[in-house]
């Protein structure tokens, strides 16, 4: 679908500067993007956010969270996930690039407004240990139609799902007594997200190495958040004429419509620094059988789209 002549376009990238791992959400009549500040780990000590009424004009909200408000976090703050609940905003984040025996992992911050300032909610990581081989990073929070919130996360080619308590202070066991269930699909590396469309659950993730040109996104479809997940195929990958390293994304649906957008990061062709990543947006389409269509990387981005 081509934009109508004269329609204002977002262009790509949509944000100025180096930003990766974008979490895109809608709060009220505003689109929000919460990305990783893409820099060496010791410089990744804060997070910015961006808001827009129309996907074209973006306002920066600097330092909505930083390590001064999270005492256990020293570096590598990344891949935020944000949900609104009970008039508060909860930001789930990774910190410290934690390994076994180290302090760090997935934390939670809370604020009264989507632009923060966010403060540490628990005073410690929500997930600070390695379970099922999954590094506690790249968290995504998903609410199913019954109201249950799930956290889906994991690096090192393993993905777990767990049921969050209603107040986000911990976890509810599954009926079999386990807390963390592994749901790793074929070729999974990191960056999981989940959404529901027409009664089906879609699980998407990133494949390949984030520093290389072949970083990409694949997906699976199931009838439950627990799967079983059978990989369908890739839907987002590099285009040698546009950009490389396209991955670690999120999706948003315009409320009340079947209109979807994918927000992701990629590396401009002129850049070789692994941290020189930019946040971009494209339309996301489904065919009549519900399959996600391959995404075409563009320089034009998407047409302006206000929320009602």
C-alpha atoms as a PDB file:
ATOM      1  CA  UNK A   1       0.000   0.000   0.000  1.00  0.00           C
ATOM      2  CA  UNK A   2       1.577   3.254  -1.144  1.00  0.00           C
ATOM      3  CA  UNK A   3       0.991   6.480   0.782  1.00  0.00           C
ATOM      4  CA  UNK A   4      -1.430   8.990  -0.688  1.00  0.00           C
ATOM      5  CA  UNK A   5       0.439  11.774  -2.533  1.00  0.00           C
ATOM      6  CA  UNK A   6       0.985  14.735  -0.241  1.00  0.00           C
ATOM      7  CA  UNK A   7       0.755  12.638   2.908  1.00  0.00           C
ATOM      8  CA  UNK A   8       3.386  13.451   5.489  1.00  0.00           C
ATOM      9  CA  UNK A   9       5.838  10.585   6.031  1.00  0.00           C
ATOM     10  CA  UNK A  10       7.877   9.642   9.077  1.00  0.00           C
ATOM     11  CA  UNK A  11      11.073   8.895   7.186  1.00  0.00           C
ATOM     12  CA  UNK A  12      13.574   6.381   8.580  1.00  0.00           C
ATOM     13  CA  UNK A  13      15.087   6.526  11.095  1.00  0.00           C
ATOM     14  CA  UNK A  14      12.284   8.045  13.171  1.00  0.00           C
ATOM     15  CA  UNK A  15      14.525   9.084  16.091  1.00  0.00           C
ATOM     16  CA  UNK A  16      17.704  11.180  16.004  1.00  0.00           C
ATOM     17  CA  UNK A  17      20.792   9.484  17.394  1.00  0.00           C
ATOM     18  CA  UNK A  18      21.828   5.911  18.132  1.00  0.00           C
ATOM     19  CA  UNK A  19      18.964   3.891  19.604  1.00  0.00           C
ATOM     20  CA  UNK A  20      18.177   0.176  19.500  1.00  0.00           C
ATOM     21  CA  UNK A  21      15.771  -2.477  20.873  1.00  0.00           C
ATOM     22  CA  UNK A  22      12.702  -0.217  20.620  1.00  0.00           C
ATOM     23  CA  UNK A  23       9.605  -0.979  22.673  1.00  0.00           C
ATOM     24  CA  UNK A  24       6.587   0.688  21.011  1.00  0.00           C
ATOM     25  CA  UNK A  25       3.332   1.143  22.920  1.00  0.00           C
ATOM     26  CA  UNK A  26       0.214   3.283  22.832  1.00  0.00           C
ATOM     27  CA  UNK A  27      -0.898   5.230  25.887  1.00  0.00           C
ATOM     28  CA  UNK A  28      -4.066   7.237  25.336  1.00  0.00           C
ATOM     29  CA  UNK A  29      -3.726   9.140  22.074  1.00  0.00           C
ATOM     30  CA  UNK A  30       0.048   9.013  21.949  1.00  0.00           C
ATOM     31  CA  UNK A  31       2.517   6.550  20.493  1.00  0.00           C
ATOM     32  CA  UNK A  32       5.549   5.913  22.694  1.00  0.00           C
ATOM     33  CA  UNK A  33       8.935   4.385  21.894  1.00  0.00           C
ATOM     34  CA  UNK A  34      11.249   3.262  24.687  1.00  0.00           C
ATOM     35  CA  UNK A  35      14.630   2.234  23.211  1.00  0.00           C
ATOM     36  CA  UNK A  36      18.078   1.255  24.413  1.00  0.00           C
ATOM     37  CA  UNK A  37      20.611   4.055  24.230  1.00  0.00           C
ATOM     38  CA  UNK A  38      22.996   2.358  21.807  1.00  0.00           C
ATOM     39  CA  UNK A  39      26.511   2.839  23.151  1.00  0.00           C
ATOM     40  CA  UNK A  40      29.280   0.809  24.830  1.00  0.00           C
ATOM     41  CA  UNK A  41      27.944  -0.967  27.921  1.00  0.00           C
ATOM     42  CA  UNK A  42      29.634   1.384  30.402  1.00  0.00           C
ATOM     43  CA  UNK A  43      27.861   4.325  28.731  1.00  0.00           C
ATOM     44  CA  UNK A  44      24.472   2.605  28.740  1.00  0.00           C
ATOM     45  CA  UNK A  45      23.515   4.019  32.129  1.00  0.00           C
ATOM     46  CA  UNK A  46      20.249   5.776  31.239  1.00  0.00           C
ATOM     47  CA  UNK A  47      17.163   5.494  29.073  1.00  0.00           C
ATOM     48  CA  UNK A  48      15.312   8.070  27.009  1.00  0.00           C
ATOM     49  CA  UNK A  49      11.746   7.866  25.713  1.00  0.00           C
ATOM     50  CA  UNK A  50       9.987   9.422  22.728  1.00  0.00           C
ATOM     51  CA  UNK A  51       6.316  10.261  22.173  1.00  0.00           C
ATOM     52  CA  UNK A  52       4.330  11.126  19.065  1.00  0.00           C
ATOM     53  CA  UNK A  53       0.715  11.946  18.184  1.00  0.00           C
ATOM     54  CA  UNK A  54       1.084  10.656  14.609  1.00  0.00           C
ATOM     55  CA  UNK A  55       4.248   8.498  14.130  1.00  0.00           C
ATOM     56  CA  UNK A  56       5.900  11.430  12.306  1.00  0.00           C
ATOM     57  CA  UNK A  57       6.628  14.114  14.910  1.00  0.00           C
ATOM     58  CA  UNK A  58       8.508  12.787  17.942  1.00  0.00           C
ATOM     59  CA  UNK A  59       9.251  14.472  21.279  1.00  0.00           C
ATOM     60  CA  UNK A  60      12.251  13.332  23.284  1.00  0.00           C
ATOM     61  CA  UNK A  61      11.888  12.720  27.023  1.00  0.00           C
ATOM     62  CA  UNK A  62      15.486  12.445  28.282  1.00  0.00           C
ATOM     63  CA  UNK A  63      16.743  10.249  31.093  1.00  0.00           C
ATOM     64  CA  UNK A  64      13.427   8.769  32.185  1.00  0.00           C
ATOM     65  CA  UNK A  65      15.491   6.204  34.116  1.00  0.00           C
ATOM     66  CA  UNK A  66      19.172   5.951  34.998  1.00  0.00           C
ATOM     67  CA  UNK A  67      21.505   4.053  37.269  1.00  0.00           C
ATOM     68  CA  UNK A  68      21.334   6.716  39.976  1.00  0.00           C
ATOM     69  CA  UNK A  69      17.777   5.542  40.723  1.00  0.00           C
ATOM     70  CA  UNK A  70      18.603   1.825  40.480  1.00  0.00           C
ATOM     71  CA  UNK A  71      21.345   1.165  43.031  1.00  0.00           C
ATOM     72  CA  UNK A  72      22.106  -2.381  41.879  1.00  0.00           C
ATOM     73  CA  UNK A  73      22.528  -1.375  38.210  1.00  0.00           C
ATOM     74  CA  UNK A  74      25.919  -0.117  37.048  1.00  0.00           C
ATOM     75  CA  UNK A  75      25.934  -0.546  33.262  1.00  0.00           C
ATOM     76  CA  UNK A  76      24.253  -2.034  30.215  1.00  0.00           C
ATOM     77  CA  UNK A  77      20.695  -0.830  30.803  1.00  0.00           C
ATOM     78  CA  UNK A  78      18.721  -2.060  27.825  1.00  0.00           C
ATOM     79  CA  UNK A  79      15.636  -3.380  26.058  1.00  0.00           C
ATOM     80  CA  UNK A  80      12.834  -1.772  28.098  1.00  0.00           C
ATOM     81  CA  UNK A  81       9.276  -3.110  28.194  1.00  0.00           C
ATOM     82  CA  UNK A  82       6.536  -0.796  29.484  1.00  0.00           C
ATOM     83  CA  UNK A  83       2.968  -1.457  30.629  1.00  0.00           C
ATOM     84  CA  UNK A  84       0.306   0.713  32.225  1.00  0.00           C
ATOM     85  CA  UNK A  85      -1.541  -0.762  35.215  1.00  0.00           C
ATOM     86  CA  UNK A  86      -3.655   0.834  37.931  1.00  0.00           C
ATOM     87  CA  UNK A  87      -2.802   4.374  36.789  1.00  0.00           C
ATOM     88  CA  UNK A  88       0.917   3.675  37.051  1.00  0.00           C
ATOM     89  CA  UNK A  89       3.547   2.835  34.461  1.00  0.00           C
ATOM     90  CA  UNK A  90       5.912  -0.082  34.956  1.00  0.00           C
ATOM     91  CA  UNK A  91       9.167  -0.247  33.035  1.00  0.00           C
ATOM     92  CA  UNK A  92      10.930  -3.613  32.918  1.00  0.00           C
ATOM     93  CA  UNK A  93      14.593  -3.370  31.954  1.00  0.00           C
ATOM     94  CA  UNK A  94      17.804  -5.389  31.798  1.00  0.00           C
ATOM     95  CA  UNK A  95      20.992  -4.238  33.516  1.00  0.00           C
ATOM     96  CA  UNK A  96      24.643  -5.214  33.982  1.00  0.00           C
ATOM     97  CA  UNK A  97      24.817  -7.878  31.208  1.00  0.00           C
ATOM     98  CA  UNK A  98      24.681 -10.374  34.075  1.00  0.00           C
ATOM     99  CA  UNK A  99      26.356 -13.792  34.119  1.00  0.00           C
ATOM    100  CA  UNK A 100      26.057 -16.595  36.667  1.00  0.00           C
ATOM    101  CA  UNK A 101      27.078 -15.373  40.127  1.00  0.00           C
ATOM    102  CA  UNK A 102      26.943 -11.684  39.206  1.00  0.00           C
ATOM    103  CA  UNK A 103      24.438  -9.088  40.418  1.00  0.00           C
ATOM    104  CA  UNK A 104      22.034  -7.871  37.764  1.00  0.00           C
ATOM    105  CA  UNK A 105      19.350  -9.117  35.438  1.00  0.00           C
ATOM    106  CA  UNK A 106      15.807  -7.914  34.855  1.00  0.00           C
ATOM    107  CA  UNK A 107      14.502  -5.097  37.030  1.00  0.00           C
ATOM    108  CA  UNK A 108      11.286  -3.108  37.365  1.00  0.00           C
ATOM    109  CA  UNK A 109      10.852   0.641  37.664  1.00  0.00           C
ATOM    110  CA  UNK A 110       7.635   2.568  38.278  1.00  0.00           C
ATOM    111  CA  UNK A 111       6.348   6.066  37.505  1.00  0.00           C
ATOM    112  CA  UNK A 112       3.120   8.038  37.591  1.00  0.00           C
ATOM    113  CA  UNK A 113       3.544   9.226  33.994  1.00  0.00           C
ATOM    114  CA  UNK A 114       4.769   7.521  30.839  1.00  0.00           C
ATOM    115  CA  UNK A 115       7.644  10.000  30.579  1.00  0.00           C
ATOM    116  CA  UNK A 116       8.755   9.245  34.127  1.00  0.00           C
ATOM    117  CA  UNK A 117      10.799   9.889  36.088  1.00  0.00           C
ATOM    118  CA  UNK A 118      10.941   6.173  36.856  1.00  0.00           C
ATOM    119  CA  UNK A 119      12.251   4.861  40.181  1.00  0.00           C
ATOM    120  CA  UNK A 120      13.343   1.377  41.198  1.00  0.00           C
ATOM    121  CA  UNK A 121      10.279  -0.635  42.212  1.00  0.00           C
ATOM    122  CA  UNK A 122      11.807  -3.620  44.019  1.00  0.00           C
ATOM    123  CA  UNK A 123      15.264  -2.515  45.123  1.00  0.00           C
ATOM    124  CA  UNK A 124      16.664  -5.670  43.539  1.00  0.00           C
ATOM    125  CA  UNK A 125      16.317  -7.594  40.261  1.00  0.00           C
ATOM    126  CA  UNK A 126      13.014  -9.274  39.543  1.00  0.00           C
ATOM    127  CA  UNK A 127      14.978 -12.024  37.781  1.00  0.00           C
ATOM    128  CA  UNK A 128      18.624 -12.161  38.789  1.00  0.00           C
ATOM    129  CA  UNK A 129      19.623 -15.752  38.081  1.00  0.00           C
ATOM    130  CA  UNK A 130      20.057 -17.991  35.040  1.00  0.00           C
ATOM    131  CA  UNK A 131      17.079 -20.318  34.524  1.00  0.00           C
ATOM    132  CA  UNK A 132      16.945 -22.944  31.752  1.00  0.00           C
ATOM    133  CA  UNK A 133      20.103 -21.458  30.254  1.00  0.00           C
ATOM    134  CA  UNK A 134      18.468 -18.073  29.517  1.00  0.00           C
ATOM    135  CA  UNK A 135      20.385 -14.922  30.362  1.00  0.00           C
ATOM    136  CA  UNK A 136      17.886 -12.574  32.095  1.00  0.00           C
ATOM    137  CA  UNK A 137      17.659  -9.908  29.388  1.00  0.00           C
ATOM    138  CA  UNK A 138      15.285  -8.759  26.636  1.00  0.00           C
ATOM    139  CA  UNK A 139      12.098  -8.978  28.668  1.00  0.00           C
ATOM    140  CA  UNK A 140       8.647  -8.475  27.183  1.00  0.00           C
ATOM    141  CA  UNK A 141       5.449  -8.238  29.228  1.00  0.00           C
ATOM    142  CA  UNK A 142       2.243  -9.558  27.708  1.00  0.00           C
ATOM    143  CA  UNK A 143      -1.321  -9.578  29.071  1.00  0.00           C
ATOM    144  CA  UNK A 144      -3.636 -12.312  27.866  1.00  0.00           C
ATOM    145  CA  UNK A 145      -7.408 -11.765  27.468  1.00  0.00           C
ATOM    146  CA  UNK A 146      -8.048 -13.290  30.898  1.00  0.00           C
ATOM    147  CA  UNK A 147      -5.962 -10.566  32.526  1.00  0.00           C
ATOM    148  CA  UNK A 148      -2.872 -12.629  33.374  1.00  0.00           C
ATOM    149  CA  UNK A 149       0.441 -10.864  32.786  1.00  0.00           C
ATOM    150  CA  UNK A 150       3.323 -12.940  31.464  1.00  0.00           C
ATOM    151  CA  UNK A 151       6.979 -12.027  31.198  1.00  0.00           C
ATOM    152  CA  UNK A 152       8.827 -13.525  28.238  1.00  0.00           C
ATOM    153  CA  UNK A 153      12.578 -13.108  28.203  1.00  0.00           C
ATOM    154  CA  UNK A 154      15.959 -14.571  27.482  1.00  0.00           C
ATOM    155  CA  UNK A 155      19.304 -14.337  25.772  1.00  0.00           C
ATOM    156  CA  UNK A 156      21.949 -16.962  24.993  1.00  0.00           C
ATOM    157  CA  UNK A 157      19.500 -18.740  22.647  1.00  0.00           C
ATOM    158  CA  UNK A 158      17.025 -19.680  25.394  1.00  0.00           C
ATOM    159  CA  UNK A 159      13.594 -18.159  26.051  1.00  0.00           C
ATOM    160  CA  UNK A 160      11.481 -18.479  29.201  1.00  0.00           C
ATOM    161  CA  UNK A 161       7.943 -17.502  30.099  1.00  0.00           C
ATOM    162  CA  UNK A 162       6.674 -16.858  33.639  1.00  0.00           C
ATOM    163  CA  UNK A 163       3.422 -15.648  35.183  1.00  0.00           C
ATOM    164  CA  UNK A 164       3.708 -12.312  36.974  1.00  0.00           C
ATOM    165  CA  UNK A 165       1.914 -11.561  40.223  1.00  0.00           C
ATOM    166  CA  UNK A 166      -0.724  -8.826  39.795  1.00  0.00           C
ATOM    167  CA  UNK A 167       1.498  -6.313  41.612  1.00  0.00           C
ATOM    168  CA  UNK A 168       4.628  -7.270  39.570  1.00  0.00           C
ATOM    169  CA  UNK A 169       6.638  -8.083  42.704  1.00  0.00           C
ATOM    170  CA  UNK A 170       7.240 -11.720  41.772  1.00  0.00           C
ATOM    171  CA  UNK A 171       5.723 -14.764  40.113  1.00  0.00           C
ATOM    172  CA  UNK A 172       2.804 -17.165  40.281  1.00  0.00           C
ATOM    173  CA  UNK A 173       3.687 -20.836  39.756  1.00  0.00           C
ATOM    174  CA  UNK A 174       2.233 -22.699  36.813  1.00  0.00           C
ATOM    175  CA  UNK A 175      -0.188 -25.531  37.705  1.00  0.00           C
ATOM    176  CA  UNK A 176       2.723 -27.999  37.731  1.00  0.00           C
ATOM    177  CA  UNK A 177       4.581 -25.901  40.304  1.00  0.00           C
ATOM    178  CA  UNK A 178       7.269 -24.506  37.999  1.00  0.00           C
ATOM    179  CA  UNK A 179       8.005 -20.780  37.750  1.00  0.00           C
ATOM    180  CA  UNK A 180      10.016 -20.570  34.523  1.00  0.00           C
ATOM    181  CA  UNK A 181       8.949 -22.571  31.480  1.00  0.00           C
ATOM    182  CA  UNK A 182      11.251 -22.729  28.497  1.00  0.00           C
ATOM    183  CA  UNK A 183       9.488 -22.008  25.184  1.00  0.00           C
ATOM    184  CA  UNK A 184      12.544 -21.664  22.931  1.00  0.00           C
ATOM    185  CA  UNK A 185      11.672 -22.086  19.233  1.00  0.00           C
ATOM    186  CA  UNK A 186      14.051 -23.094  16.458  1.00  0.00           C
ATOM    187  CA  UNK A 187      16.842 -20.578  15.770  1.00  0.00           C
ATOM    188  CA  UNK A 188      15.844 -18.320  18.687  1.00  0.00           C
ATOM    189  CA  UNK A 189      18.598 -16.003  19.931  1.00  0.00           C
ATOM    190  CA  UNK A 190      17.001 -13.067  21.827  1.00  0.00           C
ATOM    191  CA  UNK A 191      14.512 -10.192  21.659  1.00  0.00           C
ATOM    192  CA  UNK A 192      11.145 -11.978  22.163  1.00  0.00           C
ATOM    193  CA  UNK A 193       7.755 -10.305  21.842  1.00  0.00           C
ATOM    194  CA  UNK A 194       4.207 -11.662  21.803  1.00  0.00           C
ATOM    195  CA  UNK A 195       0.837 -10.365  20.630  1.00  0.00           C
ATOM    196  CA  UNK A 196      -2.614 -11.733  19.880  1.00  0.00           C
ATOM    197  CA  UNK A 197      -4.519 -11.353  16.617  1.00  0.00           C
ATOM    198  CA  UNK A 198      -7.820 -12.966  15.639  1.00  0.00           C
ATOM    199  CA  UNK A 199      -7.607 -15.516  18.428  1.00  0.00           C
ATOM    200  CA  UNK A 200      -4.039 -16.600  17.649  1.00  0.00           C
ATOM    201  CA  UNK A 201      -0.880 -15.885  19.612  1.00  0.00           C
ATOM    202  CA  UNK A 202       2.111 -14.623  17.653  1.00  0.00           C
ATOM    203  CA  UNK A 203       5.597 -15.096  19.082  1.00  0.00           C
ATOM    204  CA  UNK A 204       8.432 -13.184  17.413  1.00  0.00           C
ATOM    205  CA  UNK A 205      12.154 -13.125  18.161  1.00  0.00           C
ATOM    206  CA  UNK A 206      15.544 -12.112  16.793  1.00  0.00           C
ATOM    207  CA  UNK A 207      18.024 -14.476  15.162  1.00  0.00           C
ATOM    208  CA  UNK A 208      21.714 -14.171  14.308  1.00  0.00           C
ATOM    209  CA  UNK A 209      24.263 -11.986  16.079  1.00  0.00           C
ATOM    210  CA  UNK A 210      23.297  -8.401  16.928  1.00  0.00           C
ATOM    211  CA  UNK A 211      26.696  -7.073  15.866  1.00  0.00           C
ATOM    212  CA  UNK A 212      26.507  -8.591  12.390  1.00  0.00           C
ATOM    213  CA  UNK A 213      24.648  -7.806   9.165  1.00  0.00           C
ATOM    214  CA  UNK A 214      22.410 -10.898   9.309  1.00  0.00           C
ATOM    215  CA  UNK A 215      20.508 -10.026  12.475  1.00  0.00           C
ATOM    216  CA  UNK A 216      16.863 -10.729  11.657  1.00  0.00           C
ATOM    217  CA  UNK A 217      13.368 -11.483  12.995  1.00  0.00           C
ATOM    218  CA  UNK A 218      11.326 -14.684  12.729  1.00  0.00           C
ATOM    219  CA  UNK A 219       7.985 -15.794  14.164  1.00  0.00           C
ATOM    220  CA  UNK A 220       5.692 -18.630  15.182  1.00  0.00           C
ATOM    221  CA  UNK A 221       1.925 -18.925  15.812  1.00  0.00           C
ATOM    222  CA  UNK A 222       0.072 -20.933  18.465  1.00  0.00           C
ATOM    223  CA  UNK A 223      -3.224 -21.175  20.343  1.00  0.00           C
ATOM    224  CA  UNK A 224      -1.661 -20.474  23.762  1.00  0.00           C
ATOM    225  CA  UNK A 225       1.079 -18.230  25.205  1.00  0.00           C
ATOM    226  CA  UNK A 226       2.881 -21.454  26.105  1.00  0.00           C
ATOM    227  CA  UNK A 227       2.926 -22.730  22.534  1.00  0.00           C
ATOM    228  CA  UNK A 228       4.017 -25.180  21.350  1.00  0.00           C
ATOM    229  CA  UNK A 229       5.914 -22.874  19.008  1.00  0.00           C
ATOM    230  CA  UNK A 230       6.884 -24.039  15.535  1.00  0.00           C
ATOM    231  CA  UNK A 231       9.003 -21.553  13.609  1.00  0.00           C
ATOM    232  CA  UNK A 232       7.258 -20.272  10.451  1.00  0.00           C
ATOM    233  CA  UNK A 233      10.061 -18.177   8.948  1.00  0.00           C
ATOM    234  CA  UNK A 234      11.821 -14.827   8.765  1.00  0.00           C
ATOM    235  CA  UNK A 235       9.861 -11.612   8.263  1.00  0.00           C
ATOM    236  CA  UNK A 236      12.500  -8.910   8.831  1.00  0.00           C
ATOM    237  CA  UNK A 237      16.099  -8.954   7.646  1.00  0.00           C
ATOM    238  CA  UNK A 238      18.784  -6.822   6.037  1.00  0.00           C
ATOM    239  CA  UNK A 239      18.398  -5.266   2.613  1.00  0.00           C
ATOM    240  CA  UNK A 240      21.822  -4.667   1.079  1.00  0.00           C
ATOM    241  CA  UNK A 241      20.442  -1.573  -0.672  1.00  0.00           C
ATOM    242  CA  UNK A 242      19.025   0.000   2.504  1.00  0.00           C
ATOM    243  CA  UNK A 243      20.508  -1.212   5.803  1.00  0.00           C
ATOM    244  CA  UNK A 244      21.939  -4.209   7.662  1.00  0.00           C
ATOM    245  CA  UNK A 245      21.375  -5.765  11.089  1.00  0.00           C
ATOM    246  CA  UNK A 246      17.583  -5.327  11.110  1.00  0.00           C
ATOM    247  CA  UNK A 247      16.141  -6.820  14.283  1.00  0.00           C
ATOM    248  CA  UNK A 248      15.069  -6.554  17.931  1.00  0.00           C
ATOM    249  CA  UNK A 249      11.664  -5.074  17.305  1.00  0.00           C
ATOM    250  CA  UNK A 250       8.190  -4.526  18.704  1.00  0.00           C
ATOM    251  CA  UNK A 251       4.769  -4.124  17.113  1.00  0.00           C
ATOM    252  CA  UNK A 252       1.776  -1.867  17.734  1.00  0.00           C
ATOM    253  CA  UNK A 253      -1.814  -2.193  16.613  1.00  0.00           C
ATOM    254  CA  UNK A 254      -3.951   0.890  16.051  1.00  0.00           C
ATOM    255  CA  UNK A 255      -6.846   0.310  18.491  1.00  0.00           C
ATOM    256  CA  UNK A 256     -10.065  -0.861  16.889  1.00  0.00           C
ATOM    257  CA  UNK A 257      -8.384  -1.661  13.556  1.00  0.00           C
ATOM    258  CA  UNK A 258      -6.317  -4.393  11.912  1.00  0.00           C
ATOM    259  CA  UNK A 259      -3.584  -1.844  11.202  1.00  0.00           C
ATOM    260  CA  UNK A 260      -0.176  -2.883  12.513  1.00  0.00           C
ATOM    261  CA  UNK A 261       3.299  -1.345  12.608  1.00  0.00           C
ATOM    262  CA  UNK A 262       6.711  -2.846  13.296  1.00  0.00           C
ATOM    263  CA  UNK A 263       9.338  -0.712  15.026  1.00  0.00           C
ATOM    264  CA  UNK A 264      12.873  -2.088  14.923  1.00  0.00           C
ATOM    265  CA  UNK A 265      16.522  -1.129  14.766  1.00  0.00           C
ATOM    266  CA  UNK A 266      18.965  -1.426  11.910  1.00  0.00           C
ATOM    267  CA  UNK A 267      22.482  -0.349  11.014  1.00  0.00           C
ATOM    268  CA  UNK A 268      22.963   2.245   8.260  1.00  0.00           C
ATOM    269  CA  UNK A 269      25.101   1.056   5.363  1.00  0.00           C
ATOM    270  CA  UNK A 270      27.700   3.736   6.100  1.00  0.00           C
ATOM    271  CA  UNK A 271      28.241   2.527   9.689  1.00  0.00           C
ATOM    272  CA  UNK A 272      30.562  -0.210  10.937  1.00  0.00           C
ATOM    273  CA  UNK A 273      30.504   0.545  14.679  1.00  0.00           C
ATOM    274  CA  UNK A 274      28.390  -2.159  16.336  1.00  0.00           C
ATOM    275  CA  UNK A 275      26.576   0.464  18.423  1.00  0.00           C
ATOM    276  CA  UNK A 276      25.620   2.669  15.492  1.00  0.00           C
ATOM    277  CA  UNK A 277      22.008   1.494  15.309  1.00  0.00           C
ATOM    278  CA  UNK A 278      18.920   3.528  14.508  1.00  0.00           C
ATOM    279  CA  UNK A 279      15.213   3.054  15.218  1.00  0.00           C
ATOM    280  CA  UNK A 280      12.913   2.666  12.213  1.00  0.00           C
ATOM    281  CA  UNK A 281       9.277   1.877  11.419  1.00  0.00           C
ATOM    282  CA  UNK A 282       7.370   0.036   8.664  1.00  0.00           C
ATOM    283  CA  UNK A 283       3.838  -1.235   8.118  1.00  0.00           C
ATOM    284  CA  UNK A 284       3.245  -4.852   9.105  1.00  0.00           C
ATOM    285  CA  UNK A 285       0.847  -6.873   6.943  1.00  0.00           C
ATOM    286  CA  UNK A 286      -0.845 -10.258   7.241  1.00  0.00           C
ATOM    287  CA  UNK A 287      -2.195 -12.441   4.441  1.00  0.00           C
ATOM    288  CA  UNK A 288      -5.653 -14.047   4.416  1.00  0.00           C
ATOM    289  CA  UNK A 289      -4.328 -17.060   6.359  1.00  0.00           C
ATOM    290  CA  UNK A 290      -2.867 -14.850   9.084  1.00  0.00           C
ATOM    291  CA  UNK A 291       0.745 -15.239   7.995  1.00  0.00           C
ATOM    292  CA  UNK A 292       3.005 -12.235   8.546  1.00  0.00           C
ATOM    293  CA  UNK A 293       4.262 -10.885   5.252  1.00  0.00           C
ATOM    294  CA  UNK A 294       7.969 -10.101   4.755  1.00  0.00           C
ATOM    295  CA  UNK A 295       8.744  -6.527   5.768  1.00  0.00           C
ATOM    296  CA  UNK A 296      10.347  -4.254   3.204  1.00  0.00           C
ATOM    297  CA  UNK A 297      12.969  -1.891   4.618  1.00  0.00           C
ATOM    298  CA  UNK A 298      12.349   1.672   3.469  1.00  0.00           C
ATOM    299  CA  UNK A 299      13.817   5.125   3.793  1.00  0.00           C
ATOM    300  CA  UNK A 300      10.380   6.744   3.683  1.00  0.00           C
ATOM    301  CA  UNK A 301       8.941   5.034   6.749  1.00  0.00           C
ATOM    302  CA  UNK A 302       5.164   5.304   7.164  1.00  0.00           C
ATOM    303  CA  UNK A 303       2.417   7.849   6.623  1.00  0.00           C
ATOM    304  CA  UNK A 304       1.186   9.999   9.479  1.00  0.00           C
ATOM    305  CA  UNK A 305      -1.435   8.180  11.555  1.00  0.00           C
ATOM    306  CA  UNK A 306      -3.194   9.940  14.399  1.00  0.00           C
ATOM    307  CA  UNK A 307      -5.059   8.036  17.114  1.00  0.00           C
ATOM    308  CA  UNK A 308      -8.731   8.656  17.803  1.00  0.00           C
END
